[in-house]
Amino acid sequence: MNYTSKTSKISTSIISSNNSTRDSLKRFGDKRISDLLVESRNINVHKQRVREFIIEKLVFIGGLTAIVFIALIFIFLFKEGVRAFFLIKPMEFIGTHILDFDDNRVFACMWQPVGEPGKFSIVPLLIGSFLVALPATVISTILGVGCGIYLAEIASIRMREIIKPAIELLAGIPTVVIGFLCLTLLATFIQNVFHTTFRLNAFVGAIGVSLVIIPVVASITDDALRAVPSELREASYGLGATKWETIWKVVVPAGISGITASIILGMGRALGETMIVIMATGNAALVTGNIFSSVRTMTATIAAELGAVPHGSSQYYALFLIGSVLFLITFVLNLIAEIIINRMRKKLKL
């Protein structure tokens, strides 16, 4: 009798629990909780996909907009620059025949657009630009790459926290301030040390421009070397290599693409610098290979003359042609750098 009563109680409890479970499953209408969870998950997945689609399209639009702007700049520069060939003979952009002091007819490369007749040779401007950019790139490469290697591989955490912000702070100094310091202090110091004829010259401008490039080269080099997998360092140490051997034979070759990119970017920055070269190079359009001679760069010429030149004149279109040449040089440098980087990656199998 007791067994029967216990059995009935158990069955009754089971039935009641099943009834309560059914009631709980039917709390949200005719759908089960599991179905609601599946639907909620599907809704969240759909929302996530919509967000990703929107972000993807925004990134695509941003990249396409940048390409369109660059293309428009390219078209505008070359459209205005090509008009110079209709007003000036193409040969005159290299040089023209003039009479010297002995009334002899000689071929000379001169930029004197306001003369009569005007002389529009861009050769002195090209030479001046590279006389400033190349030494500046060499100086910034030696100091910037060395600083980047020190930050990435040698410096302690405390030293890195001090030096890294200091380098980034140097990049924030206005170029007009650097140009003013080169004009007032550095030029006199260089003349006293090297006894130069010209107080303002290409070397003074190169040092000033290198101060702008060093933070760029150092930061990108640091990032490139820190991106090298730590497994390569550990494998090198495991083979018995010293720290310096690991840096020069493993880490630097592995990050050479980033280092090369920093150098190319620095050279492009040097070619495009304006304020420092206007104030520190002397602005004399001379054909010379002497780094201690006064020079004039393409950017300085555009900045100094474009604001005062009559619109639609020969000089106006010649300045746009100089801008087109500068744009083309920068594009070719980036293309060569990309080819070199790809070959290095294949060689190192990175």
Protein backbone atom coordinates (compact mmCIF):
# COMPACT_ATOMS: atom_id res chain seq x y z
CA MET A 1 0.00 0.00 0.00
CA ASN A 2 2.80 2.38 0.92
CA TYR A 3 4.67 1.45 -2.27
CA THR A 4 1.62 2.24 -4.36
CA SER A 5 1.15 5.60 -2.72
CA LYS A 6 4.82 6.50 -3.20
CA THR A 7 4.63 5.50 -6.85
CA SER A 8 1.56 7.62 -7.38
CA LYS A 9 3.25 10.59 -5.71
CA ILE A 10 6.34 10.23 -7.95
CA SER A 11 4.24 9.97 -11.08
CA THR A 12 2.21 12.94 -9.98
CA SER A 13 5.39 15.00 -9.43
CA ILE A 14 6.74 13.96 -12.83
CA ILE A 15 3.50 14.92 -14.51
CA SER A 16 3.45 18.26 -12.72
CA SER A 17 7.10 18.95 -13.67
CA ASN A 18 6.38 18.10 -17.31
CA ASN A 19 3.38 20.40 -17.21
CA SER A 20 5.49 23.21 -15.75
CA THR A 21 8.19 22.65 -18.42
CA ARG A 22 5.55 22.81 -21.14
CA ASP A 23 4.20 25.97 -19.62
CA SER A 24 7.68 27.52 -19.50
CA LEU A 25 8.36 26.58 -23.12
CA LYS A 26 5.09 28.21 -24.14
CA ARG A 27 5.73 31.45 -22.26
CA PHE A 28 6.55 33.30 -25.50
CA GLY A 29 3.54 32.08 -27.44
CA ASP A 30 3.85 29.01 -29.61
CA LYS A 31 7.66 29.25 -29.95
CA ARG A 32 10.12 27.40 -27.79
CA ILE A 33 12.96 29.18 -25.99
CA SER A 34 15.51 27.36 -28.15
CA ASP A 35 13.83 28.67 -31.29
CA LEU A 36 13.89 32.19 -29.87
CA LEU A 37 17.60 31.86 -29.09
CA VAL A 38 18.30 30.69 -32.64
CA GLU A 39 16.32 33.59 -34.08
CA SER A 40 18.11 36.05 -31.80
CA ARG A 41 21.46 34.68 -32.87
CA ASN A 42 20.48 34.93 -36.55
CA ILE A 43 19.38 38.54 -36.03
CA ASN A 44 22.72 39.40 -34.36
CA VAL A 45 24.64 37.70 -37.17
CA HIS A 46 22.61 39.63 -39.74
CA LYS A 47 23.27 42.94 -37.96
CA GLN A 48 26.99 42.12 -37.77
CA ARG A 49 27.07 41.35 -41.48
CA VAL A 50 25.29 44.61 -42.25
CA ARG A 51 27.81 46.54 -40.14
CA GLU A 52 30.74 44.79 -41.85
CA PHE A 53 29.21 45.50 -45.26
CA ILE A 54 28.80 49.19 -44.43
CA ILE A 55 32.35 49.46 -43.05
CA GLU A 56 33.74 47.64 -46.08
CA LYS A 57 31.95 50.00 -48.44
CA LEU A 58 33.07 53.08 -46.48
CA VAL A 59 36.69 51.90 -46.61
CA PHE A 60 36.31 51.21 -50.33
CA ILE A 61 34.82 54.67 -50.91
CA GLY A 62 37.61 56.28 -48.89
CA GLY A 63 40.31 54.49 -50.87
CA LEU A 64 38.59 55.24 -54.16
CA THR A 65 38.23 58.91 -53.18
CA ALA A 66 41.96 59.15 -52.44
CA ILE A 67 42.77 57.60 -55.82
CA VAL A 68 40.38 59.99 -57.57
CA PHE A 69 41.90 63.02 -55.84
CA ILE A 70 45.43 61.93 -56.78
CA ALA A 71 44.29 61.35 -60.36
CA LEU A 72 42.66 64.80 -60.49
CA ILE A 73 45.83 66.43 -59.15
CA PHE A 74 47.84 64.50 -61.72
CA ILE A 75 45.52 65.54 -64.56
CA PHE A 76 45.37 69.19 -63.46
CA LEU A 77 49.15 69.50 -63.12
CA PHE A 78 49.87 67.93 -66.49
CA LYS A 79 47.03 69.76 -68.22
CA GLU A 80 48.45 73.10 -67.11
CA GLY A 81 52.06 72.01 -67.53
CA VAL A 82 51.61 70.80 -71.12
CA ARG A 83 50.44 74.28 -72.13
CA ALA A 84 53.97 75.51 -71.49
CA PHE A 85 55.14 73.66 -74.61
CA PHE A 86 52.80 75.81 -76.73
CA LEU A 87 54.37 79.04 -75.45
CA ILE A 88 57.98 77.92 -74.90
CA LYS A 89 60.11 75.78 -77.16
CA PRO A 90 60.80 72.36 -75.55
CA MET A 91 64.55 72.81 -76.00
CA GLU A 92 64.46 75.95 -73.87
CA PHE A 93 63.54 73.88 -70.82
CA ILE A 94 67.04 72.40 -71.09
CA GLY A 95 68.97 75.49 -72.10
CA THR A 96 69.25 78.35 -74.54
CA HIS A 97 71.95 80.20 -76.48
CA ILE A 98 73.11 83.49 -74.99
CA LEU A 99 75.93 85.94 -75.58
CA ASP A 100 78.72 85.92 -73.02
CA PHE A 101 80.82 88.91 -71.96
CA ASP A 102 82.98 88.51 -75.08
CA ASP A 103 79.91 88.46 -77.35
CA ASN A 104 80.39 84.78 -78.02
CA ARG A 105 77.25 82.69 -78.49
CA VAL A 106 77.20 79.94 -75.87
CA PHE A 107 74.65 77.38 -74.69
CA ALA A 108 73.63 77.98 -71.07
CA CYS A 109 71.18 76.43 -68.64
CA MET A 110 69.56 79.33 -66.78
CA TRP A 111 66.30 80.01 -64.97
CA GLN A 112 65.50 83.69 -65.51
CA PRO A 113 61.81 83.79 -66.48
CA VAL A 114 61.49 87.56 -66.07
CA GLY A 115 64.37 88.35 -68.42
CA GLU A 116 64.02 89.52 -72.00
CA PRO A 117 63.89 87.02 -73.52
CA GLY A 118 62.97 84.70 -70.63
CA LYS A 119 65.13 81.71 -69.87
CA PHE A 120 63.23 78.65 -68.59
CA SER A 121 65.80 75.91 -68.12
CA ILE A 122 64.75 73.54 -65.32
CA VAL A 123 68.17 71.86 -65.22
CA PRO A 124 69.52 74.14 -62.44
CA LEU A 125 66.37 73.49 -60.41
CA LEU A 126 66.69 69.72 -60.80
CA ILE A 127 70.36 69.82 -59.80
CA GLY A 128 69.58 72.06 -56.82
CA SER A 129 66.77 69.77 -55.65
CA PHE A 130 68.97 66.66 -55.71
CA LEU A 131 71.95 68.48 -54.19
CA VAL A 132 69.75 69.08 -51.17
CA ALA A 133 67.70 65.87 -51.16
CA LEU A 134 70.51 63.31 -51.61
CA PRO A 135 72.78 64.50 -48.76
CA ALA A 136 69.72 64.95 -46.55
CA THR A 137 68.65 61.38 -47.30
CA VAL A 138 72.13 60.03 -46.54
CA ILE A 139 72.32 61.90 -43.23
CA SER A 140 68.81 60.88 -42.18
CA THR A 141 69.40 57.27 -43.22
CA ILE A 142 72.53 56.92 -41.08
CA LEU A 143 70.99 58.59 -38.03
CA GLY A 144 67.39 57.49 -38.51
CA VAL A 145 68.05 53.81 -39.21
CA GLY A 146 70.58 53.68 -36.36
CA CYS A 147 68.05 55.25 -34.01
CA GLY A 148 65.34 52.85 -35.18
CA ILE A 149 67.58 49.81 -34.59
CA TYR A 150 68.49 51.10 -31.13
CA LEU A 151 64.84 51.62 -30.18
CA ALA A 152 63.70 48.26 -31.51
CA GLU A 153 66.54 45.97 -30.41
CA ILE A 154 68.81 47.58 -27.80
CA ALA A 155 67.03 50.25 -25.77
CA SER A 156 65.39 49.32 -22.48
CA ILE A 157 61.70 49.97 -21.94
CA ARG A 158 62.46 53.08 -19.88
CA MET A 159 64.85 54.53 -22.48
CA ARG A 160 62.35 53.75 -25.25
CA GLU A 161 59.63 55.64 -23.37
CA ILE A 162 61.95 58.67 -23.27
CA ILE A 163 63.52 58.59 -26.75
CA LYS A 164 60.46 57.63 -28.80
CA PRO A 165 58.34 60.64 -27.72
CA ALA A 166 61.36 62.91 -28.15
CA ILE A 167 61.76 61.80 -31.77
CA GLU A 168 58.05 62.26 -32.44
CA LEU A 169 58.26 65.70 -30.85
CA LEU A 170 61.08 66.60 -33.26
CA ALA A 171 58.75 65.75 -36.16
CA GLY A 172 56.25 68.30 -34.86
CA ILE A 173 58.63 71.27 -34.99
CA PRO A 174 57.48 73.70 -37.72
CA THR A 175 59.81 73.69 -40.70
CA VAL A 176 59.92 77.49 -40.68
CA VAL A 177 61.56 77.32 -37.24
CA ILE A 178 64.17 74.87 -38.51
CA GLY A 179 64.77 77.07 -41.54
CA PHE A 180 65.21 80.12 -39.32
CA LEU A 181 67.76 78.29 -37.15
CA CYS A 182 69.64 77.18 -40.27
CA LEU A 183 69.60 80.76 -41.58
CA THR A 184 70.84 82.41 -38.39
CA LEU A 185 73.02 79.82 -36.63
CA LEU A 186 73.90 76.81 -38.75
CA ALA A 187 74.90 78.76 -41.87
CA THR A 188 77.46 80.84 -39.95
CA PHE A 189 78.84 77.76 -38.20
CA ILE A 190 79.25 75.84 -41.50
CA GLN A 191 80.95 78.81 -43.15
CA ASN A 192 83.40 79.20 -40.27
CA VAL A 193 84.24 75.49 -40.22
CA PHE A 194 84.50 74.80 -43.96
CA HIS A 195 85.37 78.37 -45.10
CA THR A 196 82.71 78.31 -47.80
CA THR A 197 82.21 81.06 -50.34
CA PHE A 198 78.44 81.05 -49.96
CA ARG A 199 77.06 81.36 -46.47
CA LEU A 200 73.74 79.84 -47.54
CA ASN A 201 74.28 76.71 -49.58
CA ALA A 202 72.97 73.24 -50.39
CA PHE A 203 74.74 71.59 -47.45
CA VAL A 204 73.08 73.90 -44.92
CA GLY A 205 69.71 73.15 -46.50
CA ALA A 206 70.45 69.40 -46.49
CA ILE A 207 71.20 69.41 -42.76
CA GLY A 208 67.99 71.32 -42.07
CA VAL A 209 65.92 68.97 -44.24
CA SER A 210 67.51 65.91 -42.61
CA LEU A 211 66.18 67.06 -39.24
CA VAL A 212 62.69 66.74 -40.69
CA ILE A 213 63.36 63.32 -42.24
CA ILE A 214 65.10 61.63 -39.29
CA PRO A 215 61.90 61.15 -37.23
CA VAL A 216 60.14 59.61 -40.23
CA VAL A 217 62.96 57.16 -40.96
CA ALA A 218 63.47 56.28 -37.30
CA SER A 219 59.78 55.66 -36.57
CA ILE A 220 59.15 53.51 -39.64
CA THR A 221 62.39 51.56 -39.09
CA ASP A 222 61.43 50.94 -35.47
CA ASP A 223 57.98 49.68 -36.48
CA ALA A 224 59.42 47.48 -39.24
CA LEU A 225 61.98 45.82 -36.97
CA ARG A 226 59.51 45.30 -34.13
CA ALA A 227 57.22 43.55 -36.60
CA VAL A 228 59.88 40.89 -37.26
CA PRO A 229 58.72 37.63 -35.58
CA SER A 230 60.50 36.87 -32.30
CA GLU A 231 60.97 33.28 -33.48
CA LEU A 232 63.71 34.47 -35.84
CA ARG A 233 65.64 36.04 -32.97
CA GLU A 234 65.20 32.97 -30.79
CA ALA A 235 66.37 30.68 -33.58
CA SER A 236 69.44 32.87 -34.12
CA TYR A 237 70.29 32.82 -30.42
CA GLY A 238 69.73 29.07 -30.40
CA LEU A 239 72.37 28.66 -33.12
CA GLY A 240 74.87 30.55 -30.97
CA ALA A 241 74.75 33.98 -32.62
CA THR A 242 75.49 37.06 -30.57
CA LYS A 243 73.10 39.98 -30.20
CA TRP A 244 74.88 42.06 -32.85
CA GLU A 245 75.01 39.12 -35.27
CA THR A 246 71.30 38.58 -34.74
CA ILE A 247 70.56 42.24 -35.42
CA TRP A 248 72.67 42.63 -38.57
CA LYS A 249 72.24 39.18 -40.10
CA VAL A 250 68.69 38.26 -39.09
CA VAL A 251 66.53 41.15 -37.90
CA VAL A 252 67.69 43.88 -40.32
CA PRO A 253 67.46 41.64 -43.44
CA ALA A 254 64.01 40.48 -42.34
CA GLY A 255 62.83 44.09 -41.95
CA ILE A 256 64.69 45.48 -44.95
CA SER A 257 61.48 46.19 -46.86
CA GLY A 258 60.25 48.52 -44.12
CA ILE A 259 63.66 50.17 -43.84
CA THR A 260 63.81 50.71 -47.59
CA ALA A 261 60.32 52.17 -47.53
CA SER A 262 61.36 54.59 -44.79
CA ILE A 263 64.37 55.77 -46.81
CA ILE A 264 62.32 56.26 -49.99
CA LEU A 265 59.64 58.07 -48.03
CA GLY A 266 62.33 60.27 -46.49
CA MET A 267 63.77 61.15 -49.88
CA GLY A 268 60.32 62.03 -51.18
CA ARG A 269 59.87 64.23 -48.13
CA ALA A 270 63.21 65.90 -48.85
CA LEU A 271 62.30 66.60 -52.47
CA GLY A 272 59.01 68.11 -51.38
CA GLU A 273 60.35 70.31 -48.57
CA THR A 274 59.82 74.00 -49.24
CA MET A 275 60.26 76.34 -46.29
CA ILE A 276 63.71 75.15 -45.18
CA VAL A 277 65.21 75.26 -48.67
CA ILE A 278 63.79 78.73 -49.32
CA MET A 279 65.50 80.09 -46.21
CA ALA A 280 68.75 78.11 -46.13
CA THR A 281 69.98 77.37 -49.67
CA GLY A 282 70.59 80.85 -51.05
CA ASN A 283 68.00 80.55 -53.88
CA ALA A 284 70.54 80.91 -56.67
CA ALA A 285 69.67 78.81 -59.74
CA LEU A 286 73.19 77.64 -60.55
CA VAL A 287 74.37 74.60 -62.46
CA THR A 288 76.93 73.16 -60.08
CA GLY A 289 77.99 69.97 -58.38
CA ASN A 290 79.47 71.77 -55.39
CA ILE A 291 77.45 70.97 -52.28
CA PHE A 292 78.69 74.20 -50.67
CA SER A 293 77.30 76.35 -53.48
CA SER A 294 74.02 78.24 -53.37
CA VAL A 295 71.25 76.41 -55.19
CA ARG A 296 67.54 76.71 -55.89
CA THR A 297 65.11 73.81 -55.71
CA MET A 298 61.95 73.16 -57.68
CA THR A 299 59.72 73.57 -54.65
CA ALA A 300 61.35 76.86 -53.67
CA THR A 301 60.86 78.17 -57.20
CA ILE A 302 57.16 77.32 -57.23
CA ALA A 303 56.57 78.77 -53.76
CA ALA A 304 58.50 81.97 -54.44
CA GLU A 305 57.13 82.81 -57.89
CA LEU A 306 53.66 81.34 -58.33
CA GLY A 307 51.93 83.91 -56.11
CA ALA A 308 53.23 86.89 -58.11
CA VAL A 309 53.27 85.50 -61.65
CA PRO A 310 50.60 86.72 -64.13
CA HIS A 311 47.95 84.09 -64.77
CA GLY A 312 48.26 82.50 -68.19
CA SER A 313 51.79 83.74 -68.87
CA SER A 314 54.69 81.62 -70.02
CA GLN A 315 56.20 81.67 -66.54
CA TYR A 316 52.86 80.56 -65.04
CA TYR A 317 52.68 77.42 -67.17
CA ALA A 318 56.41 76.77 -66.75
CA LEU A 319 55.90 76.61 -62.98
CA PHE A 320 53.15 74.04 -63.47
CA LEU A 321 55.52 72.07 -65.66
CA ILE A 322 58.06 72.08 -62.82
CA GLY A 323 55.36 70.75 -60.50
CA SER A 324 54.57 68.01 -63.01
CA VAL A 325 58.23 67.01 -63.22
CA LEU A 326 58.45 66.89 -59.42
CA PHE A 327 55.32 64.76 -59.27
CA LEU A 328 56.72 62.41 -61.92
CA ILE A 329 60.06 62.05 -60.13
CA THR A 330 58.33 61.14 -56.88
CA PHE A 331 56.15 58.59 -58.68
CA VAL A 332 59.17 56.96 -60.36
CA LEU A 333 61.04 56.79 -57.04
CA ASN A 334 58.11 55.04 -55.37
CA LEU A 335 57.81 52.63 -58.29
CA ILE A 336 61.52 51.74 -58.14
CA ALA A 337 61.27 51.27 -54.38
CA GLU A 338 58.31 48.91 -54.77
CA ILE A 339 60.22 46.82 -57.33
CA ILE A 340 63.26 46.61 -55.05
CA ILE A 341 61.10 45.66 -52.05
CA ASN A 342 59.37 42.87 -53.98
CA ARG A 343 62.71 41.44 -55.15
CA MET A 344 64.07 41.53 -51.59
CA ARG A 345 60.96 39.79 -50.29
CA LYS A 346 61.34 37.02 -52.86
CA LYS A 347 65.03 36.68 -52.10
CA LEU A 348 64.48 36.50 -48.35
CA LYS A 349 61.24 34.53 -48.80
CA LEU A 350 59.33 36.90 -46.54
